[in-house]
N, C-alpha and C. Protein backbone atom coordinates (compact mmCIF):
# COMPACT_ATOMS: atom_id res chain seq x y z
N MET A 1 -33.02 -12.05 -20.48
CA MET A 1 -32.28 -10.87 -20.06
C MET A 1 -32.45 -10.63 -18.56
N LYS A 2 -33.58 -11.05 -18.03
CA LYS A 2 -33.84 -10.85 -16.60
C LYS A 2 -32.80 -11.60 -15.75
N GLU A 3 -32.49 -12.83 -16.14
CA GLU A 3 -31.48 -13.61 -15.41
C GLU A 3 -30.10 -12.98 -15.55
N PHE A 4 -29.81 -12.48 -16.76
CA PHE A 4 -28.52 -11.82 -16.97
C PHE A 4 -28.41 -10.59 -16.08
N ASN A 5 -29.46 -9.76 -16.03
CA ASN A 5 -29.44 -8.56 -15.19
C ASN A 5 -29.22 -8.92 -13.72
N LYS A 6 -29.87 -9.98 -13.28
CA LYS A 6 -29.72 -10.41 -11.89
C LYS A 6 -28.26 -10.81 -11.61
N LYS A 7 -27.68 -11.56 -12.53
CA LYS A 7 -26.28 -11.96 -12.38
C LYS A 7 -25.37 -10.74 -12.44
N PHE A 8 -25.68 -9.80 -13.34
CA PHE A 8 -24.85 -8.63 -13.55
C PHE A 8 -24.77 -7.75 -12.31
N ILE A 9 -25.90 -7.56 -11.63
CA ILE A 9 -25.90 -6.64 -10.48
C ILE A 9 -25.70 -7.34 -9.14
N THR A 10 -25.38 -8.62 -9.14
CA THR A 10 -25.08 -9.31 -7.90
C THR A 10 -23.69 -8.91 -7.42
N ASN A 11 -23.58 -8.53 -6.17
CA ASN A 11 -22.31 -8.12 -5.55
C ASN A 11 -21.64 -6.95 -6.26
N THR A 12 -22.41 -5.94 -6.62
CA THR A 12 -21.85 -4.80 -7.35
C THR A 12 -20.74 -4.09 -6.58
N GLU A 13 -20.80 -4.14 -5.26
CA GLU A 13 -19.74 -3.50 -4.48
C GLU A 13 -18.41 -4.22 -4.66
N HIS A 14 -18.45 -5.46 -5.07
CA HIS A 14 -17.24 -6.24 -5.30
C HIS A 14 -16.80 -6.20 -6.77
N THR A 15 -17.77 -6.12 -7.69
CA THR A 15 -17.47 -6.20 -9.12
C THR A 15 -17.38 -4.85 -9.81
N GLY A 16 -18.00 -3.82 -9.24
CA GLY A 16 -18.02 -2.51 -9.88
C GLY A 16 -19.03 -2.42 -11.02
N ARG A 17 -19.91 -3.39 -11.14
CA ARG A 17 -20.91 -3.40 -12.23
C ARG A 17 -22.11 -2.53 -11.87
N VAL A 18 -22.58 -1.77 -12.88
CA VAL A 18 -23.70 -0.86 -12.69
C VAL A 18 -24.54 -0.87 -13.97
N ILE A 19 -25.86 -0.74 -13.81
CA ILE A 19 -26.76 -0.58 -14.94
C ILE A 19 -27.37 0.81 -14.84
N VAL A 20 -27.33 1.57 -15.95
CA VAL A 20 -27.86 2.92 -16.00
C VAL A 20 -28.92 2.97 -17.09
N LYS A 21 -30.09 3.51 -16.76
CA LYS A 21 -31.16 3.67 -17.76
C LYS A 21 -31.38 5.15 -17.98
N SER A 22 -31.32 5.56 -19.24
CA SER A 22 -31.54 6.96 -19.60
C SER A 22 -33.01 7.31 -19.43
N LEU A 23 -33.28 8.40 -18.73
CA LEU A 23 -34.66 8.86 -18.58
C LEU A 23 -35.14 9.56 -19.85
N SER A 24 -34.22 10.01 -20.70
CA SER A 24 -34.59 10.69 -21.94
C SER A 24 -34.92 9.73 -23.07
N THR A 25 -34.07 8.72 -23.26
CA THR A 25 -34.23 7.82 -24.40
C THR A 25 -34.73 6.43 -24.03
N GLY A 26 -34.61 6.07 -22.77
CA GLY A 26 -35.00 4.73 -22.34
C GLY A 26 -33.93 3.68 -22.58
N LYS A 27 -32.80 4.08 -23.20
CA LYS A 27 -31.71 3.14 -23.45
C LYS A 27 -31.10 2.70 -22.13
N VAL A 28 -30.65 1.46 -22.10
CA VAL A 28 -30.02 0.90 -20.91
C VAL A 28 -28.54 0.70 -21.21
N TYR A 29 -27.71 1.17 -20.29
CA TYR A 29 -26.26 1.09 -20.43
C TYR A 29 -25.69 0.24 -19.29
N TYR A 30 -24.81 -0.67 -19.63
CA TYR A 30 -24.16 -1.54 -18.66
C TYR A 30 -22.72 -1.08 -18.47
N ILE A 31 -22.30 -0.96 -17.22
CA ILE A 31 -20.95 -0.48 -16.91
C ILE A 31 -20.24 -1.53 -16.08
N GLU A 32 -19.00 -1.80 -16.45
CA GLU A 32 -18.12 -2.67 -15.65
C GLU A 32 -16.79 -1.95 -15.47
N ALA A 33 -16.29 -1.98 -14.26
CA ALA A 33 -14.94 -1.49 -14.01
C ALA A 33 -13.99 -2.66 -14.27
N ILE A 34 -13.15 -2.51 -15.30
CA ILE A 34 -12.20 -3.57 -15.67
C ILE A 34 -10.82 -3.18 -15.15
N ASP A 35 -10.19 -4.08 -14.45
CA ASP A 35 -8.84 -3.83 -13.95
C ASP A 35 -8.04 -5.12 -14.03
N ASP A 36 -7.10 -5.15 -14.96
CA ASP A 36 -6.24 -6.32 -15.12
C ASP A 36 -4.88 -6.13 -14.47
N SER A 37 -4.72 -5.05 -13.73
CA SER A 37 -3.41 -4.78 -13.11
C SER A 37 -3.14 -5.74 -11.96
N SER A 38 -1.88 -5.87 -11.65
CA SER A 38 -1.49 -6.78 -10.57
C SER A 38 -0.99 -6.02 -9.34
N TYR A 39 -1.19 -4.71 -9.30
CA TYR A 39 -0.65 -3.95 -8.18
C TYR A 39 -1.67 -3.64 -7.10
N HIS A 40 -2.69 -4.45 -6.96
CA HIS A 40 -3.64 -4.27 -5.85
C HIS A 40 -2.99 -4.67 -4.54
N SER A 41 -3.33 -3.95 -3.51
CA SER A 41 -2.84 -4.32 -2.19
C SER A 41 -3.55 -5.58 -1.73
N ILE A 42 -2.78 -6.54 -1.30
CA ILE A 42 -3.35 -7.76 -0.76
C ILE A 42 -3.24 -7.66 0.75
N TRP A 43 -4.35 -7.85 1.40
CA TRP A 43 -4.33 -7.78 2.85
C TRP A 43 -5.08 -8.97 3.40
N GLY A 44 -4.78 -9.32 4.63
CA GLY A 44 -5.40 -10.48 5.26
C GLY A 44 -4.90 -10.59 6.69
N ASP A 45 -4.74 -11.80 7.15
CA ASP A 45 -4.27 -12.06 8.50
C ASP A 45 -2.87 -12.65 8.43
N LEU A 46 -1.98 -12.13 9.27
CA LEU A 46 -0.63 -12.66 9.34
C LEU A 46 -0.60 -13.77 10.38
N ASP A 47 -0.24 -14.97 9.94
CA ASP A 47 -0.12 -16.11 10.84
C ASP A 47 1.17 -15.91 11.65
N PRO A 48 1.07 -15.75 12.98
CA PRO A 48 2.26 -15.48 13.79
C PRO A 48 3.27 -16.63 13.79
N ALA A 49 2.80 -17.84 13.60
CA ALA A 49 3.72 -18.99 13.62
C ALA A 49 4.50 -19.10 12.31
N SER A 50 3.79 -19.03 11.18
CA SER A 50 4.46 -19.22 9.89
C SER A 50 4.91 -17.91 9.26
N LYS A 51 4.42 -16.77 9.77
CA LYS A 51 4.71 -15.43 9.24
C LYS A 51 4.21 -15.28 7.79
N LYS A 52 3.19 -16.06 7.42
CA LYS A 52 2.62 -15.98 6.08
C LYS A 52 1.25 -15.33 6.13
N MET A 53 0.91 -14.62 5.02
CA MET A 53 -0.38 -13.96 4.90
C MET A 53 -1.45 -15.00 4.61
N GLN A 54 -2.58 -14.88 5.31
CA GLN A 54 -3.70 -15.79 5.09
C GLN A 54 -4.94 -14.95 4.80
N GLY A 55 -5.84 -15.48 4.03
CA GLY A 55 -7.11 -14.80 3.75
C GLY A 55 -7.13 -14.03 2.46
N GLN A 56 -6.16 -13.18 2.23
CA GLN A 56 -6.08 -12.34 1.04
C GLN A 56 -7.42 -11.69 0.72
N TYR A 57 -7.96 -10.96 1.65
CA TYR A 57 -9.27 -10.33 1.49
C TYR A 57 -9.28 -9.27 0.41
N GLY A 58 -8.13 -8.70 0.10
CA GLY A 58 -8.05 -7.66 -0.92
C GLY A 58 -8.51 -8.12 -2.28
N LYS A 59 -8.33 -9.39 -2.62
CA LYS A 59 -8.76 -9.90 -3.91
C LYS A 59 -10.28 -9.92 -4.02
N LYS A 60 -10.95 -10.12 -2.92
CA LYS A 60 -12.40 -10.23 -2.93
C LYS A 60 -13.08 -8.87 -3.10
N TYR A 61 -12.50 -7.82 -2.56
CA TYR A 61 -13.15 -6.51 -2.53
C TYR A 61 -12.45 -5.49 -3.43
N LYS A 62 -12.17 -5.86 -4.68
CA LYS A 62 -11.48 -4.98 -5.61
C LYS A 62 -12.38 -3.87 -6.15
N GLY A 63 -13.66 -4.12 -6.30
CA GLY A 63 -14.55 -3.14 -6.91
C GLY A 63 -14.43 -3.12 -8.42
N SER A 64 -13.87 -4.19 -8.98
CA SER A 64 -13.71 -4.31 -10.42
C SER A 64 -13.59 -5.78 -10.79
N VAL A 65 -13.60 -6.04 -12.09
CA VAL A 65 -13.42 -7.40 -12.59
C VAL A 65 -12.27 -7.39 -13.59
N THR A 66 -11.76 -8.56 -13.90
CA THR A 66 -10.74 -8.67 -14.93
C THR A 66 -11.43 -8.82 -16.29
N THR A 67 -10.65 -8.70 -17.34
CA THR A 67 -11.20 -8.89 -18.69
C THR A 67 -11.85 -10.26 -18.82
N GLU A 68 -11.22 -11.27 -18.24
CA GLU A 68 -11.76 -12.63 -18.32
C GLU A 68 -13.09 -12.77 -17.57
N GLU A 69 -13.29 -11.99 -16.53
CA GLU A 69 -14.52 -12.05 -15.74
C GLU A 69 -15.65 -11.19 -16.32
N SER A 70 -15.34 -10.38 -17.31
CA SER A 70 -16.30 -9.44 -17.88
C SER A 70 -17.53 -10.16 -18.44
N LEU A 71 -18.69 -9.58 -18.19
CA LEU A 71 -19.95 -10.10 -18.74
C LEU A 71 -20.38 -9.30 -19.96
N ILE A 72 -19.73 -8.17 -20.21
CA ILE A 72 -20.06 -7.35 -21.37
C ILE A 72 -19.24 -7.86 -22.55
N THR A 73 -19.83 -8.83 -23.25
CA THR A 73 -19.15 -9.49 -24.36
C THR A 73 -20.13 -9.69 -25.51
N PRO A 74 -19.62 -9.85 -26.73
CA PRO A 74 -20.51 -10.17 -27.85
C PRO A 74 -21.28 -11.46 -27.61
N GLU A 75 -20.67 -12.42 -26.92
CA GLU A 75 -21.34 -13.69 -26.63
C GLU A 75 -22.59 -13.50 -25.76
N ASN A 76 -22.61 -12.42 -24.97
CA ASN A 76 -23.76 -12.12 -24.13
C ASN A 76 -24.72 -11.13 -24.80
N GLY A 77 -24.51 -10.88 -26.09
CA GLY A 77 -25.44 -10.04 -26.85
C GLY A 77 -25.07 -8.58 -26.96
N PHE A 78 -23.91 -8.17 -26.50
CA PHE A 78 -23.50 -6.77 -26.57
C PHE A 78 -22.84 -6.50 -27.92
N GLU A 79 -23.39 -5.52 -28.64
CA GLU A 79 -22.86 -5.18 -29.97
C GLU A 79 -21.92 -3.99 -29.92
N LYS A 80 -22.26 -2.99 -29.14
CA LYS A 80 -21.44 -1.78 -29.04
C LYS A 80 -20.77 -1.77 -27.67
N ILE A 81 -19.49 -2.08 -27.67
CA ILE A 81 -18.72 -2.12 -26.42
C ILE A 81 -17.70 -1.00 -26.46
N HIS A 82 -17.73 -0.13 -25.47
CA HIS A 82 -16.84 1.02 -25.42
C HIS A 82 -15.87 0.84 -24.25
N ASN A 83 -14.59 1.00 -24.53
CA ASN A 83 -13.57 0.97 -23.48
C ASN A 83 -13.12 2.39 -23.21
N LEU A 84 -13.15 2.78 -21.95
CA LEU A 84 -12.77 4.14 -21.58
C LEU A 84 -11.35 4.16 -21.04
N PHE A 85 -10.74 5.32 -21.09
CA PHE A 85 -9.40 5.50 -20.54
C PHE A 85 -9.49 5.57 -19.01
N PRO A 86 -8.43 5.18 -18.31
CA PRO A 86 -8.43 5.31 -16.85
C PRO A 86 -8.75 6.75 -16.45
N GLY A 87 -9.66 6.90 -15.51
CA GLY A 87 -10.05 8.22 -15.02
C GLY A 87 -11.20 8.85 -15.79
N GLU A 88 -11.58 8.29 -16.94
CA GLU A 88 -12.68 8.84 -17.72
C GLU A 88 -14.00 8.40 -17.08
N SER A 89 -14.91 9.33 -16.91
CA SER A 89 -16.18 9.06 -16.24
C SER A 89 -17.14 8.30 -17.14
N PRO A 90 -17.59 7.11 -16.72
CA PRO A 90 -18.56 6.39 -17.53
C PRO A 90 -19.90 7.13 -17.62
N ILE A 91 -20.27 7.84 -16.58
CA ILE A 91 -21.55 8.58 -16.59
C ILE A 91 -21.48 9.72 -17.60
N SER A 92 -20.38 10.46 -17.63
CA SER A 92 -20.22 11.54 -18.61
C SER A 92 -20.22 10.98 -20.03
N TYR A 93 -19.58 9.85 -20.21
CA TYR A 93 -19.54 9.21 -21.53
C TYR A 93 -20.95 8.81 -21.97
N ILE A 94 -21.69 8.22 -21.05
CA ILE A 94 -23.07 7.82 -21.35
C ILE A 94 -23.91 9.05 -21.70
N GLU A 95 -23.76 10.13 -20.94
CA GLU A 95 -24.53 11.35 -21.23
C GLU A 95 -24.22 11.85 -22.64
N ARG A 96 -22.96 11.79 -23.04
CA ARG A 96 -22.55 12.26 -24.36
C ARG A 96 -23.17 11.40 -25.48
N ILE A 97 -23.05 10.07 -25.36
CA ILE A 97 -23.60 9.23 -26.43
C ILE A 97 -25.13 9.19 -26.39
N ASP A 98 -25.71 9.40 -25.23
CA ASP A 98 -27.17 9.44 -25.13
C ASP A 98 -27.71 10.70 -25.80
N LYS A 99 -26.98 11.82 -25.69
CA LYS A 99 -27.40 13.05 -26.38
C LYS A 99 -27.34 12.86 -27.89
N GLU A 100 -26.32 12.14 -28.37
CA GLU A 100 -26.24 11.83 -29.81
C GLU A 100 -27.44 11.00 -30.24
N TYR A 101 -27.82 10.04 -29.40
CA TYR A 101 -28.98 9.19 -29.69
C TYR A 101 -30.27 10.01 -29.68
N GLN A 102 -30.37 10.96 -28.74
CA GLN A 102 -31.55 11.85 -28.69
C GLN A 102 -31.68 12.65 -29.98
N THR A 103 -30.53 13.12 -30.50
CA THR A 103 -30.53 13.88 -31.75
C THR A 103 -31.03 13.01 -32.89
N LYS A 104 -30.58 11.76 -32.96
CA LYS A 104 -31.03 10.83 -34.00
C LYS A 104 -32.54 10.62 -33.93
N LEU A 105 -33.06 10.55 -32.69
CA LEU A 105 -34.50 10.32 -32.50
C LEU A 105 -35.33 11.59 -32.66
N GLY A 106 -34.65 12.75 -32.63
CA GLY A 106 -35.36 14.01 -32.73
C GLY A 106 -36.03 14.42 -31.44
N ILE A 107 -35.45 14.00 -30.33
CA ILE A 107 -36.02 14.32 -29.00
C ILE A 107 -35.50 15.66 -28.54
């Protein structure tokens, strides 16, 4: 799991991946921003001779991953995978399910 965690949090500013540990229950939650849309702005350098875009730096700094790039999969040992609606706060969601877990534990 240590190697997985290292891979998971590498380049988080590019992937949008975050690990959250509950101080109440000790449970660890993994968050990925998934974006399969194709409407990201692509930016780079305009070649003055060919008038074509070069570099496409926008693809590198999306702050999210695609479904295919996701590391939160059953193959990686994840049993409970929750997909949130656009705009729904992952931290609020974690707080809600962590409170349910606290109730189960009697904390």
